[in-house]
Amino acid sequence: MTNKLKIAGAIGSAAVAAALLYANKRKERKKAPKQPGPIPSGENPETD
């Protein structure tokens, strides 16, 4: 194999690995429970 093919193979492998990691992170984030936002009550928020 030539050096160009070796480099292209390494770049392709890295791209596939990055895509798998990205997909796995999205999947984990989707499973995590979402925190509810503030409930609008019409009253002014009290601050200290």
PDB file of N, CA and C in Angstrom:
ATOM      1  N   MET A   1       0.841  -1.195   0.000  1.00  0.00           N
ATOM      2  CA  MET A   1       0.000   0.000   0.000  1.00  0.00           C
ATOM      3  C   MET A   1       0.877   1.246   0.000  1.00  0.00           C
ATOM      4  N   THR A   2       0.386   2.246  -0.630  1.00  0.00           N
ATOM      5  CA  THR A   2       1.136   3.496  -0.645  1.00  0.00           C
ATOM      6  C   THR A   2       0.800   4.300   0.596  1.00  0.00           C
ATOM      7  N   ASN A   3       1.626   5.286   0.847  1.00  0.00           N
ATOM      8  CA  ASN A   3       1.408   6.124   2.026  1.00  0.00           C
ATOM      9  C   ASN A   3       0.078   6.866   1.945  1.00  0.00           C
ATOM     10  N   LYS A   4      -0.314   7.285   0.749  1.00  0.00           N
ATOM     11  CA  LYS A   4      -1.581   8.008   0.594  1.00  0.00           C
ATOM     12  C   LYS A   4      -2.760   7.126   0.989  1.00  0.00           C
ATOM     13  N   LEU A   5      -2.710   5.855   0.617  1.00  0.00           N
ATOM     14  CA  LEU A   5      -3.799   4.946   0.980  1.00  0.00           C
ATOM     15  C   LEU A   5      -3.835   4.698   2.484  1.00  0.00           C
ATOM     16  N   LYS A   6      -2.670   4.608   3.094  1.00  0.00           N
ATOM     17  CA  LYS A   6      -2.614   4.411   4.546  1.00  0.00           C
ATOM     18  C   LYS A   6      -3.209   5.614   5.277  1.00  0.00           C
ATOM     19  N   ILE A   7      -2.848   6.794   4.815  1.00  0.00           N
ATOM     20  CA  ILE A   7      -3.372   8.015   5.439  1.00  0.00           C
ATOM     21  C   ILE A   7      -4.881   8.107   5.236  1.00  0.00           C
ATOM     22  N   ALA A   8      -5.347   7.803   4.043  1.00  0.00           N
ATOM     23  CA  ALA A   8      -6.786   7.851   3.760  1.00  0.00           C
ATOM     24  C   ALA A   8      -7.535   6.838   4.624  1.00  0.00           C
ATOM     25  N   GLY A   9      -6.958   5.667   4.812  1.00  0.00           N
ATOM     26  CA  GLY A   9      -7.588   4.657   5.656  1.00  0.00           C
ATOM     27  C   GLY A   9      -7.661   5.096   7.105  1.00  0.00           C
ATOM     28  N   ALA A  10      -6.602   5.727   7.588  1.00  0.00           N
ATOM     29  CA  ALA A  10      -6.594   6.204   8.971  1.00  0.00           C
ATOM     30  C   ALA A  10      -7.632   7.301   9.173  1.00  0.00           C
ATOM     31  N   ILE A  11      -7.731   8.201   8.216  1.00  0.00           N
ATOM     32  CA  ILE A  11      -8.718   9.284   8.318  1.00  0.00           C
ATOM     33  C   ILE A  11     -10.132   8.713   8.273  1.00  0.00           C
ATOM     34  N   GLY A  12     -10.358   7.753   7.397  1.00  0.00           N
ATOM     35  CA  GLY A  12     -11.682   7.134   7.304  1.00  0.00           C
ATOM     36  C   GLY A  12     -12.056   6.408   8.579  1.00  0.00           C
ATOM     37  N   SER A  13     -11.101   5.702   9.167  1.00  0.00           N
ATOM     38  CA  SER A  13     -11.370   4.988  10.416  1.00  0.00           C
ATOM     39  C   SER A  13     -11.690   5.965  11.538  1.00  0.00           C
ATOM     40  N   ALA A  14     -10.956   7.062  11.589  1.00  0.00           N
ATOM     41  CA  ALA A  14     -11.203   8.067  12.622  1.00  0.00           C
ATOM     42  C   ALA A  14     -12.583   8.692  12.443  1.00  0.00           C
ATOM     43  N   ALA A  15     -12.991   8.913  11.210  1.00  0.00           N
ATOM     44  CA  ALA A  15     -14.306   9.501  10.950  1.00  0.00           C
ATOM     45  C   ALA A  15     -15.423   8.558  11.388  1.00  0.00           C
ATOM     46  N   VAL A  16     -15.259   7.278  11.126  1.00  0.00           N
ATOM     47  CA  VAL A  16     -16.267   6.300  11.538  1.00  0.00           C
ATOM     48  C   VAL A  16     -16.340   6.234  13.058  1.00  0.00           C
ATOM     49  N   ALA A  17     -15.191   6.232  13.723  1.00  0.00           N
ATOM     50  CA  ALA A  17     -15.173   6.183  15.185  1.00  0.00           C
ATOM     51  C   ALA A  17     -15.841   7.423  15.777  1.00  0.00           C
ATOM     52  N   ALA A  18     -15.572   8.589  15.213  1.00  0.00           N
ATOM     53  CA  ALA A  18     -16.182   9.823  15.707  1.00  0.00           C
ATOM     54  C   ALA A  18     -17.694   9.798  15.518  1.00  0.00           C
ATOM     55  N   ALA A  19     -18.151   9.289  14.396  1.00  0.00           N
ATOM     56  CA  ALA A  19     -19.593   9.216  14.144  1.00  0.00           C
ATOM     57  C   ALA A  19     -20.272   8.282  15.141  1.00  0.00           C
ATOM     58  N   LEU A  20     -19.635   7.168  15.455  1.00  0.00           N
ATOM     59  CA  LEU A  20     -20.214   6.239  16.428  1.00  0.00           C
ATOM     60  C   LEU A  20     -20.271   6.859  17.821  1.00  0.00           C
ATOM     61  N   LEU A  21     -19.222   7.562  18.216  1.00  0.00           N
ATOM     62  CA  LEU A  21     -19.226   8.216  19.529  1.00  0.00           C
ATOM     63  C   LEU A  21     -20.319   9.277  19.599  1.00  0.00           C
ATOM     64  N   TYR A  22     -20.478  10.056  18.533  1.00  0.00           N
ATOM     65  CA  TYR A  22     -21.497  11.104  18.500  1.00  0.00           C
ATOM     66  C   TYR A  22     -22.895  10.502  18.610  1.00  0.00           C
ATOM     67  N   ALA A  23     -23.133   9.431  17.884  1.00  0.00           N
ATOM     68  CA  ALA A  23     -24.446   8.788  17.922  1.00  0.00           C
ATOM     69  C   ALA A  23     -24.721   8.215  19.304  1.00  0.00           C
ATOM     70  N   ASN A  24     -23.713   7.653  19.947  1.00  0.00           N
ATOM     71  CA  ASN A  24     -23.881   7.080  21.275  1.00  0.00           C
ATOM     72  C   ASN A  24     -24.201   8.166  22.297  1.00  0.00           C
ATOM     73  N   LYS A  25     -23.534   9.320  22.200  1.00  0.00           N
ATOM     74  CA  LYS A  25     -23.809  10.418  23.133  1.00  0.00           C
ATOM     75  C   LYS A  25     -25.235  10.924  22.969  1.00  0.00           C
ATOM     76  N   ARG A  26     -25.698  11.041  21.726  1.00  0.00           N
ATOM     77  CA  ARG A  26     -27.075  11.503  21.485  1.00  0.00           C
ATOM     78  C   ARG A  26     -28.075  10.524  22.069  1.00  0.00           C
ATOM     79  N   LYS A  27     -27.778   9.242  21.938  1.00  0.00           N
ATOM     80  CA  LYS A  27     -28.671   8.207  22.444  1.00  0.00           C
ATOM     81  C   LYS A  27     -28.750   8.281  23.969  1.00  0.00           C
ATOM     82  N   GLU A  28     -27.593   8.456  24.637  1.00  0.00           N
ATOM     83  CA  GLU A  28     -27.571   8.552  26.094  1.00  0.00           C
ATOM     84  C   GLU A  28     -28.301   9.800  26.568  1.00  0.00           C
ATOM     85  N   ARG A  29     -28.117  10.909  25.853  1.00  0.00           N
ATOM     86  CA  ARG A  29     -28.776  12.148  26.259  1.00  0.00           C
ATOM     87  C   ARG A  29     -30.289  12.022  26.124  1.00  0.00           C
ATOM     88  N   LYS A  30     -30.729  11.276  25.123  1.00  0.00           N
ATOM     89  CA  LYS A  30     -32.160  11.087  24.904  1.00  0.00           C
ATOM     90  C   LYS A  30     -32.773  10.264  26.034  1.00  0.00           C
ATOM     91  N   LYS A  31     -32.011   9.314  26.583  1.00  0.00           N
ATOM     92  CA  LYS A  31     -32.503   8.468  27.662  1.00  0.00           C
ATOM     93  C   LYS A  31     -32.572   9.215  28.992  1.00  0.00           C
ATOM     94  N   ALA A  32     -31.732  10.225  29.181  1.00  0.00           N
ATOM     95  CA  ALA A  32     -31.663  10.942  30.457  1.00  0.00           C
ATOM     96  C   ALA A  32     -32.982  11.664  30.723  1.00  0.00           C
ATOM     97  N   PRO A  33     -33.407  11.686  31.984  1.00  0.00           N
ATOM     98  CA  PRO A  33     -34.654  12.396  32.310  1.00  0.00           C
ATOM     99  C   PRO A  33     -34.487  13.894  32.109  1.00  0.00           C
ATOM    100  N   LYS A  34     -35.482  14.490  31.526  1.00  0.00           N
ATOM    101  CA  LYS A  34     -35.432  15.924  31.286  1.00  0.00           C
ATOM    102  C   LYS A  34     -35.945  16.658  32.517  1.00  0.00           C
ATOM    103  N   GLN A  35     -35.285  17.758  32.853  1.00  0.00           N
ATOM    104  CA  GLN A  35     -35.728  18.563  33.983  1.00  0.00           C
ATOM    105  C   GLN A  35     -36.820  19.514  33.502  1.00  0.00           C
ATOM    106  N   PRO A  36     -37.898  19.590  34.261  1.00  0.00           N
ATOM    107  CA  PRO A  36     -38.974  20.492  33.843  1.00  0.00           C
ATOM    108  C   PRO A  36     -38.557  21.953  33.991  1.00  0.00           C
ATOM    109  N   GLY A  37     -39.078  22.781  33.145  1.00  0.00           N
ATOM    110  CA  GLY A  37     -38.784  24.203  33.219  1.00  0.00           C
ATOM    111  C   GLY A  37     -39.630  24.870  34.294  1.00  0.00           C
ATOM    112  N   PRO A  38     -39.424  26.148  34.505  1.00  0.00           N
ATOM    113  CA  PRO A  38     -40.210  26.861  35.513  1.00  0.00           C
ATOM    114  C   PRO A  38     -41.679  26.953  35.092  1.00  0.00           C
ATOM    115  N   ILE A  39     -42.536  26.873  36.067  1.00  0.00           N
ATOM    116  CA  ILE A  39     -43.969  26.952  35.796  1.00  0.00           C
ATOM    117  C   ILE A  39     -44.397  28.414  35.910  1.00  0.00           C
ATOM    118  N   PRO A  40     -44.885  28.999  34.834  1.00  0.00           N
ATOM    119  CA  PRO A  40     -45.301  30.400  34.909  1.00  0.00           C
ATOM    120  C   PRO A  40     -46.579  30.539  35.733  1.00  0.00           C
ATOM    121  N   SER A  41     -46.500  31.335  36.793  1.00  0.00           N
ATOM    122  CA  SER A  41     -47.663  31.503  37.655  1.00  0.00           C
ATOM    123  C   SER A  41     -48.261  32.900  37.545  1.00  0.00           C
ATOM    124  N   GLY A  42     -47.560  33.800  36.889  1.00  0.00           N
ATOM    125  CA  GLY A  42     -48.063  35.157  36.773  1.00  0.00           C
ATOM    126  C   GLY A  42     -47.578  36.056  37.897  1.00  0.00           C
ATOM    127  N   GLU A  43     -46.914  35.478  38.898  1.00  0.00           N
ATOM    128  CA  GLU A  43     -46.399  36.273  40.017  1.00  0.00           C
ATOM    129  C   GLU A  43     -44.940  36.625  39.769  1.00  0.00           C
ATOM    130  N   ASN A  44     -44.491  37.727  40.363  1.00  0.00           N
ATOM    131  CA  ASN A  44     -43.091  38.109  40.250  1.00  0.00           C
ATOM    132  C   ASN A  44     -42.239  37.152  41.076  1.00  0.00           C
ATOM    133  N   PRO A  45     -41.108  36.730  40.558  1.00  0.00           N
ATOM    134  CA  PRO A  45     -40.244  35.849  41.343  1.00  0.00           C
ATOM    135  C   PRO A  45     -39.620  36.606  42.505  1.00  0.00           C
ATOM    136  N   GLU A  46     -39.591  35.981  43.653  1.00  0.00           N
ATOM    137  CA  GLU A  46     -38.991  36.614  44.832  1.00  0.00           C
ATOM    138  C   GLU A  46     -37.502  36.310  44.843  1.00  0.00           C
ATOM    139  N   THR A  47     -36.711  37.339  45.034  1.00  0.00           N
ATOM    140  CA  THR A  47     -35.262  37.162  45.085  1.00  0.00           C
ATOM    141  C   THR A  47     -34.744  37.669  46.412  1.00  0.00           C
ATOM    142  N   ASP A  48     -33.601  37.160  46.802  1.00  0.00           N
ATOM    143  CA  ASP A  48     -32.982  37.611  48.067  1.00  0.00           C
ATOM    144  C   ASP A  48     -32.115  38.807  47.822  1.00  0.00           C
TER     145      ASP A  48
END
